[in-house]
N, C-alpha and C. Protein backbone atom coordinates (compact mmCIF):
# COMPACT_ATOMS: atom_id res chain seq x y z
N MET A 1 0.81 -1.18 0.00
CA MET A 1 0.00 0.00 0.00
C MET A 1 0.87 1.26 0.00
N THR A 2 1.95 1.24 0.76
CA THR A 2 2.81 2.43 0.80
C THR A 2 3.51 2.65 -0.53
N ALA A 3 3.76 1.58 -1.27
CA ALA A 3 4.38 1.73 -2.59
C ALA A 3 3.47 2.55 -3.50
N SER A 4 2.17 2.30 -3.42
CA SER A 4 1.21 3.06 -4.23
C SER A 4 1.19 4.53 -3.82
N LEU A 5 1.20 4.78 -2.51
CA LEU A 5 1.23 6.16 -2.03
C LEU A 5 2.53 6.84 -2.44
N ALA A 6 3.64 6.14 -2.34
CA ALA A 6 4.93 6.72 -2.75
C ALA A 6 4.90 7.10 -4.23
N GLU A 7 4.28 6.27 -5.06
CA GLU A 7 4.18 6.57 -6.49
C GLU A 7 3.31 7.80 -6.74
N VAL A 8 2.20 7.90 -6.03
CA VAL A 8 1.34 9.08 -6.14
C VAL A 8 2.12 10.33 -5.73
N LEU A 9 2.89 10.23 -4.66
CA LEU A 9 3.69 11.38 -4.20
C LEU A 9 4.73 11.76 -5.24
N ARG A 10 5.39 10.78 -5.85
CA ARG A 10 6.37 11.07 -6.90
C ARG A 10 5.71 11.84 -8.06
N GLN A 11 4.52 11.42 -8.45
CA GLN A 11 3.81 12.10 -9.53
C GLN A 11 3.41 13.51 -9.12
N HIS A 12 2.93 13.66 -7.89
CA HIS A 12 2.50 14.97 -7.40
C HIS A 12 3.66 15.96 -7.32
N TYR A 13 4.79 15.51 -6.81
CA TYR A 13 5.94 16.39 -6.60
C TYR A 13 6.87 16.42 -7.82
N HIS A 14 6.41 15.94 -8.94
CA HIS A 14 7.24 15.79 -10.13
C HIS A 14 8.32 16.88 -10.25
N GLN A 15 7.94 18.11 -10.29
CA GLN A 15 8.90 19.21 -10.38
C GLN A 15 8.89 20.09 -9.13
N GLU A 16 8.12 19.69 -8.15
CA GLU A 16 7.99 20.49 -6.94
C GLU A 16 9.15 20.21 -5.97
N ILE A 17 9.27 21.07 -5.00
CA ILE A 17 10.28 20.88 -3.96
C ILE A 17 9.72 19.93 -2.91
N TRP A 18 10.47 18.88 -2.63
CA TRP A 18 10.06 17.89 -1.63
C TRP A 18 10.25 18.46 -0.22
N PRO A 19 9.47 17.99 0.74
CA PRO A 19 9.66 18.41 2.13
C PRO A 19 11.06 18.03 2.63
N GLU A 20 11.55 18.79 3.59
CA GLU A 20 12.84 18.47 4.21
C GLU A 20 12.70 17.32 5.19
N ALA A 21 11.51 17.21 5.80
CA ALA A 21 11.32 16.21 6.85
C ALA A 21 9.93 15.60 6.77
N ILE A 22 9.86 14.36 7.23
CA ILE A 22 8.60 13.63 7.37
C ILE A 22 8.32 13.54 8.86
N ILE A 23 7.13 13.98 9.26
CA ILE A 23 6.75 14.02 10.67
C ILE A 23 5.53 13.12 10.88
N PRO A 24 5.70 11.95 11.50
CA PRO A 24 4.52 11.11 11.78
C PRO A 24 3.71 11.70 12.94
N VAL A 25 2.39 11.58 12.85
CA VAL A 25 1.55 12.04 13.96
C VAL A 25 1.89 11.18 15.18
N PRO A 26 2.33 11.81 16.27
CA PRO A 26 2.72 11.01 17.45
C PRO A 26 1.52 10.53 18.26
N LEU A 27 1.71 9.40 18.90
CA LEU A 27 0.73 8.88 19.85
C LEU A 27 1.17 9.28 21.26
N HIS A 28 0.22 9.42 22.16
CA HIS A 28 0.56 9.59 23.57
C HIS A 28 1.13 8.27 24.07
N ARG A 29 2.03 8.32 25.03
CA ARG A 29 2.70 7.10 25.51
C ARG A 29 1.71 6.04 26.00
N LYS A 30 0.61 6.47 26.60
CA LYS A 30 -0.39 5.50 27.08
C LYS A 30 -1.03 4.76 25.91
N ARG A 31 -1.37 5.48 24.85
CA ARG A 31 -1.97 4.85 23.68
C ARG A 31 -0.97 3.93 23.00
N LEU A 32 0.29 4.36 22.97
CA LEU A 32 1.34 3.53 22.37
C LEU A 32 1.50 2.22 23.15
N GLN A 33 1.45 2.31 24.48
CA GLN A 33 1.54 1.09 25.30
C GLN A 33 0.36 0.16 25.05
N GLN A 34 -0.83 0.73 24.92
CA GLN A 34 -2.02 -0.09 24.66
C GLN A 34 -1.94 -0.78 23.31
N ARG A 35 -1.59 -0.01 22.29
CA ARG A 35 -1.61 -0.51 20.92
C ARG A 35 -0.36 -1.32 20.58
N GLY A 36 0.77 -0.87 21.11
CA GLY A 36 2.03 -1.56 20.82
C GLY A 36 2.78 -1.03 19.62
N TYR A 37 2.18 -0.13 18.87
CA TYR A 37 2.83 0.46 17.70
C TYR A 37 2.13 1.77 17.35
N ASN A 38 2.83 2.61 16.59
CA ASN A 38 2.26 3.85 16.08
C ASN A 38 2.08 3.67 14.58
N GLN A 39 0.85 3.57 14.13
CA GLN A 39 0.57 3.32 12.72
C GLN A 39 1.11 4.42 11.81
N ALA A 40 1.07 5.67 12.25
CA ALA A 40 1.60 6.77 11.44
C ALA A 40 3.12 6.66 11.31
N LEU A 41 3.80 6.23 12.37
CA LEU A 41 5.25 6.05 12.32
C LEU A 41 5.61 4.91 11.37
N LEU A 42 4.88 3.80 11.43
CA LEU A 42 5.15 2.69 10.51
C LEU A 42 4.97 3.14 9.06
N LEU A 43 3.94 3.89 8.79
CA LEU A 43 3.69 4.42 7.45
C LEU A 43 4.81 5.37 7.03
N ALA A 44 5.21 6.27 7.93
CA ALA A 44 6.27 7.23 7.64
C ALA A 44 7.60 6.53 7.35
N LYS A 45 7.92 5.49 8.12
CA LYS A 45 9.16 4.74 7.89
C LYS A 45 9.14 4.08 6.52
N ALA A 46 8.02 3.47 6.16
CA ALA A 46 7.92 2.81 4.85
C ALA A 46 8.05 3.83 3.72
N LEU A 47 7.39 4.96 3.85
CA LEU A 47 7.49 6.00 2.81
C LEU A 47 8.90 6.55 2.71
N ASN A 48 9.55 6.75 3.85
CA ASN A 48 10.91 7.27 3.85
C ASN A 48 11.86 6.30 3.13
N ARG A 49 11.67 5.00 3.34
CA ARG A 49 12.49 3.99 2.64
C ARG A 49 12.23 4.04 1.14
N GLN A 50 10.97 4.11 0.76
CA GLN A 50 10.62 4.08 -0.66
C GLN A 50 10.98 5.38 -1.38
N LEU A 51 11.13 6.45 -0.63
CA LEU A 51 11.48 7.74 -1.22
C LEU A 51 12.88 8.18 -0.78
N LYS A 52 13.75 7.21 -0.49
CA LYS A 52 15.08 7.53 0.06
C LYS A 52 15.90 8.41 -0.87
N ASP A 53 15.65 8.34 -2.17
CA ASP A 53 16.38 9.18 -3.11
C ASP A 53 16.05 10.66 -2.93
N LYS A 54 14.99 10.98 -2.22
CA LYS A 54 14.59 12.38 -1.98
C LYS A 54 15.30 12.98 -0.76
N LYS A 55 15.99 12.13 -0.02
CA LYS A 55 16.82 12.57 1.11
C LYS A 55 16.07 13.40 2.16
N MET A 56 14.88 12.95 2.49
CA MET A 56 14.11 13.60 3.55
C MET A 56 14.47 12.97 4.89
N VAL A 57 14.40 13.76 5.94
CA VAL A 57 14.67 13.27 7.29
C VAL A 57 13.36 12.75 7.88
N LEU A 58 13.40 11.56 8.47
CA LEU A 58 12.25 11.07 9.24
C LEU A 58 12.48 11.54 10.67
N ASP A 59 11.75 12.56 11.08
CA ASP A 59 11.95 13.16 12.41
C ASP A 59 10.79 12.76 13.32
N LYS A 60 11.03 11.72 14.11
CA LYS A 60 9.97 11.22 15.00
C LYS A 60 10.04 11.82 16.39
N LYS A 61 10.98 12.74 16.61
CA LYS A 61 11.13 13.34 17.95
C LYS A 61 10.83 14.83 17.97
N MET A 62 10.56 15.42 16.82
CA MET A 62 10.33 16.86 16.78
C MET A 62 9.02 17.24 17.48
N VAL A 63 8.01 16.40 17.34
CA VAL A 63 6.70 16.69 17.92
C VAL A 63 6.37 15.60 18.93
N LYS A 64 5.79 16.01 20.04
CA LYS A 64 5.41 15.06 21.08
C LYS A 64 3.95 15.30 21.46
N ARG A 65 3.23 14.22 21.68
CA ARG A 65 1.85 14.34 22.18
C ARG A 65 1.95 14.34 23.70
N ILE A 66 1.59 15.45 24.32
CA ILE A 66 1.78 15.60 25.77
C ILE A 66 0.51 15.33 26.57
N ARG A 67 -0.58 15.19 25.87
CA ARG A 67 -1.85 14.97 26.56
C ARG A 67 -2.57 13.79 25.92
N ALA A 68 -3.00 12.87 26.76
CA ALA A 68 -3.79 11.75 26.26
C ALA A 68 -5.16 12.29 25.84
N THR A 69 -5.61 11.86 24.69
CA THR A 69 -6.90 12.31 24.17
C THR A 69 -7.78 11.10 23.89
N GLU A 70 -9.07 11.36 23.80
CA GLU A 70 -9.97 10.29 23.37
C GLU A 70 -9.67 9.97 21.91
N ALA A 71 -9.95 8.76 21.49
CA ALA A 71 -9.76 8.40 20.08
C ALA A 71 -10.67 9.28 19.24
N GLN A 72 -10.09 9.96 18.24
CA GLN A 72 -10.86 10.89 17.42
C GLN A 72 -12.01 10.20 16.68
N GLN A 73 -11.80 8.95 16.26
CA GLN A 73 -12.83 8.28 15.46
C GLN A 73 -14.11 8.03 16.26
N GLN A 74 -14.02 8.12 17.58
CA GLN A 74 -15.20 7.91 18.43
C GLN A 74 -16.01 9.20 18.62
N LEU A 75 -15.48 10.32 18.14
CA LEU A 75 -16.09 11.62 18.40
C LEU A 75 -16.79 12.20 17.17
N LYS A 76 -17.78 13.04 17.43
CA LYS A 76 -18.43 13.79 16.35
C LYS A 76 -17.47 14.87 15.88
N ALA A 77 -17.68 15.34 14.66
CA ALA A 77 -16.81 16.36 14.09
C ALA A 77 -16.70 17.58 15.00
N SER A 78 -17.81 17.98 15.61
CA SER A 78 -17.81 19.16 16.48
C SER A 78 -17.00 18.97 17.76
N GLU A 79 -16.76 17.74 18.16
CA GLU A 79 -16.03 17.46 19.40
C GLU A 79 -14.53 17.28 19.17
N ARG A 80 -14.12 17.08 17.94
CA ARG A 80 -12.74 16.70 17.65
C ARG A 80 -11.73 17.82 17.93
N LEU A 81 -12.05 19.05 17.58
CA LEU A 81 -11.12 20.15 17.83
C LEU A 81 -10.89 20.32 19.31
N LYS A 82 -11.95 20.31 20.08
CA LYS A 82 -11.83 20.46 21.54
C LYS A 82 -10.98 19.33 22.12
N ASN A 83 -11.14 18.15 21.62
CA ASN A 83 -10.41 16.98 22.10
C ASN A 83 -8.91 17.09 21.84
N ILE A 84 -8.52 17.60 20.68
CA ILE A 84 -7.11 17.57 20.27
C ILE A 84 -6.36 18.86 20.61
N ARG A 85 -7.08 19.94 20.90
CA ARG A 85 -6.43 21.23 21.17
C ARG A 85 -5.44 21.11 22.33
N GLY A 86 -4.20 21.57 22.13
CA GLY A 86 -3.18 21.56 23.17
C GLY A 86 -2.55 20.21 23.43
N ALA A 87 -2.77 19.25 22.53
CA ALA A 87 -2.25 17.89 22.75
C ALA A 87 -0.79 17.73 22.33
N PHE A 88 -0.27 18.66 21.52
CA PHE A 88 1.09 18.52 20.97
C PHE A 88 2.00 19.66 21.40
N VAL A 89 3.28 19.35 21.53
CA VAL A 89 4.33 20.36 21.65
C VAL A 89 5.38 20.04 20.60
N CYS A 90 6.08 21.08 20.19
CA CYS A 90 7.09 20.93 19.14
C CYS A 90 8.38 21.58 19.60
N ARG A 91 9.48 20.85 19.44
CA ARG A 91 10.77 21.46 19.76
C ARG A 91 11.14 22.42 18.62
N GLU A 92 12.06 23.29 18.90
CA GLU A 92 12.49 24.24 17.89
C GLU A 92 13.07 23.49 16.70
N THR A 93 12.79 24.00 15.53
CA THR A 93 13.24 23.32 14.32
C THR A 93 13.77 24.33 13.31
N GLY A 94 14.62 23.86 12.44
CA GLY A 94 15.10 24.69 11.35
C GLY A 94 14.39 24.37 10.05
N TYR A 95 13.45 23.42 10.09
CA TYR A 95 12.73 23.04 8.88
C TYR A 95 11.81 24.16 8.42
N ARG A 96 11.71 24.32 7.12
CA ARG A 96 10.78 25.28 6.55
C ARG A 96 9.63 24.57 5.82
N HIS A 97 9.86 23.30 5.46
CA HIS A 97 8.86 22.53 4.70
C HIS A 97 8.85 21.10 5.23
N VAL A 98 7.71 20.66 5.74
CA VAL A 98 7.60 19.30 6.28
C VAL A 98 6.34 18.62 5.73
N ALA A 99 6.31 17.30 5.85
CA ALA A 99 5.12 16.52 5.53
C ALA A 99 4.67 15.80 6.80
N ILE A 100 3.44 16.03 7.20
CA ILE A 100 2.84 15.28 8.31
C ILE A 100 2.28 13.99 7.73
N VAL A 101 2.56 12.87 8.39
CA VAL A 101 2.06 11.58 7.93
C VAL A 101 1.06 11.02 8.94
N ASP A 102 -0.12 10.66 8.44
CA ASP A 102 -1.13 10.00 9.27
C ASP A 102 -1.80 8.93 8.42
N ASP A 103 -2.37 7.94 9.07
CA ASP A 103 -3.02 6.88 8.29
C ASP A 103 -4.38 7.32 7.76
N VAL A 104 -5.19 7.93 8.61
CA VAL A 104 -6.54 8.34 8.22
C VAL A 104 -6.77 9.79 8.61
N VAL A 105 -7.33 10.57 7.69
CA VAL A 105 -7.72 11.95 7.98
C VAL A 105 -9.22 12.04 7.71
N THR A 106 -9.95 12.52 8.72
CA THR A 106 -11.41 12.65 8.57
C THR A 106 -11.77 14.13 8.56
N THR A 107 -11.84 14.75 9.72
CA THR A 107 -12.16 16.19 9.77
C THR A 107 -10.91 17.04 9.56
N GLY A 108 -9.75 16.46 9.78
CA GLY A 108 -8.50 17.21 9.64
C GLY A 108 -8.08 17.92 10.92
N GLU A 109 -8.79 17.72 12.01
CA GLU A 109 -8.47 18.44 13.25
C GLU A 109 -7.11 18.06 13.81
N THR A 110 -6.75 16.78 13.74
CA THR A 110 -5.44 16.37 14.27
C THR A 110 -4.32 17.02 13.49
N VAL A 111 -4.37 16.95 12.16
CA VAL A 111 -3.29 17.55 11.37
C VAL A 111 -3.33 19.07 11.44
N SER A 112 -4.50 19.65 11.64
CA SER A 112 -4.59 21.11 11.81
C SER A 112 -3.91 21.55 13.11
N GLU A 113 -4.16 20.82 14.18
CA GLU A 113 -3.54 21.16 15.46
C GLU A 113 -2.03 20.95 15.40
N LEU A 114 -1.62 19.87 14.78
CA LEU A 114 -0.19 19.62 14.63
C LEU A 114 0.45 20.71 13.76
N SER A 115 -0.23 21.12 12.71
CA SER A 115 0.26 22.20 11.85
C SER A 115 0.40 23.50 12.63
N ARG A 116 -0.55 23.77 13.50
CA ARG A 116 -0.52 25.00 14.30
C ARG A 116 0.75 25.07 15.14
N VAL A 117 1.11 23.95 15.81
CA VAL A 117 2.31 23.99 16.65
C VAL A 117 3.58 24.01 15.80
N LEU A 118 3.56 23.39 14.63
CA LEU A 118 4.72 23.44 13.74
C LEU A 118 4.95 24.86 13.22
N LYS A 119 3.87 25.55 12.86
CA LYS A 119 3.99 26.92 12.37
C LYS A 119 4.53 27.86 13.45
N LYS A 120 4.17 27.61 14.70
CA LYS A 120 4.70 28.42 15.80
C LYS A 120 6.21 28.30 15.90
N GLN A 121 6.77 27.19 15.41
CA GLN A 121 8.21 26.98 15.44
C GLN A 121 8.88 27.38 14.12
N GLY A 122 8.14 28.02 13.23
CA GLY A 122 8.74 28.58 12.03
C GLY A 122 8.58 27.77 10.75
N VAL A 123 7.90 26.64 10.81
CA VAL A 123 7.67 25.87 9.58
C VAL A 123 6.72 26.67 8.69
N LYS A 124 7.09 26.85 7.44
CA LYS A 124 6.31 27.68 6.52
C LYS A 124 5.34 26.87 5.65
N THR A 125 5.77 25.69 5.21
CA THR A 125 4.96 24.86 4.32
C THR A 125 4.75 23.50 4.95
N ILE A 126 3.49 23.09 5.04
CA ILE A 126 3.16 21.80 5.65
C ILE A 126 2.27 21.03 4.69
N ASP A 127 2.74 19.86 4.29
CA ASP A 127 1.96 18.95 3.45
C ASP A 127 1.41 17.85 4.35
N VAL A 128 0.30 17.27 3.96
CA VAL A 128 -0.28 16.16 4.71
C VAL A 128 -0.34 14.95 3.79
N TRP A 129 0.31 13.87 4.24
CA TRP A 129 0.29 12.60 3.50
C TRP A 129 -0.52 11.61 4.31
N CYS A 130 -1.53 11.03 3.71
CA CYS A 130 -2.34 10.02 4.40
C CYS A 130 -2.76 8.93 3.43
N LEU A 131 -3.08 7.78 3.98
CA LEU A 131 -3.56 6.67 3.14
C LEU A 131 -5.03 6.83 2.80
N VAL A 132 -5.81 7.33 3.77
CA VAL A 132 -7.25 7.40 3.59
C VAL A 132 -7.76 8.77 4.02
N ARG A 133 -8.64 9.33 3.21
CA ARG A 133 -9.35 10.57 3.56
C ARG A 133 -10.82 10.20 3.60
N THR A 134 -11.41 10.21 4.79
CA THR A 134 -12.80 9.80 4.94
C THR A 134 -13.69 11.01 5.20
N PRO A 135 -14.96 10.90 4.89
CA PRO A 135 -15.87 12.02 5.17
C PRO A 135 -16.09 12.17 6.68
N ALA A 136 -16.31 13.40 7.10
CA ALA A 136 -16.57 13.67 8.52
C ALA A 136 -17.89 13.05 8.94
N ILE A 137 -17.94 12.68 10.22
CA ILE A 137 -19.16 12.07 10.78
C ILE A 137 -20.22 13.13 10.97
């Protein structure tokens, strides 16, 4: 599946400037312990391998989820922003262009909140790479 996404990305960025870094959406440590893996990180690692010729950094430590949140898929669209607000912190970065990687994007609240904290640290361009874009509930 990631090979297909990598090919779509190659076509999309044909002459465009690729992001400097790939940022997987982080899980809170409690959720990571429950699940045993971070699906966004697994996806980001696979994409980074398949796009290694683009020399992007896989930065899994730049952003941290500091607050445990309810699973977004269990919430109505109107509840998702409130749930995710203030859940992330970002260390200072020199990146100007990054790609956020997530498996599923529905309302976009998670990637919007993550984008907000990245922009506060000076990131100018943020792309979102996901496997699935679903309609909001």
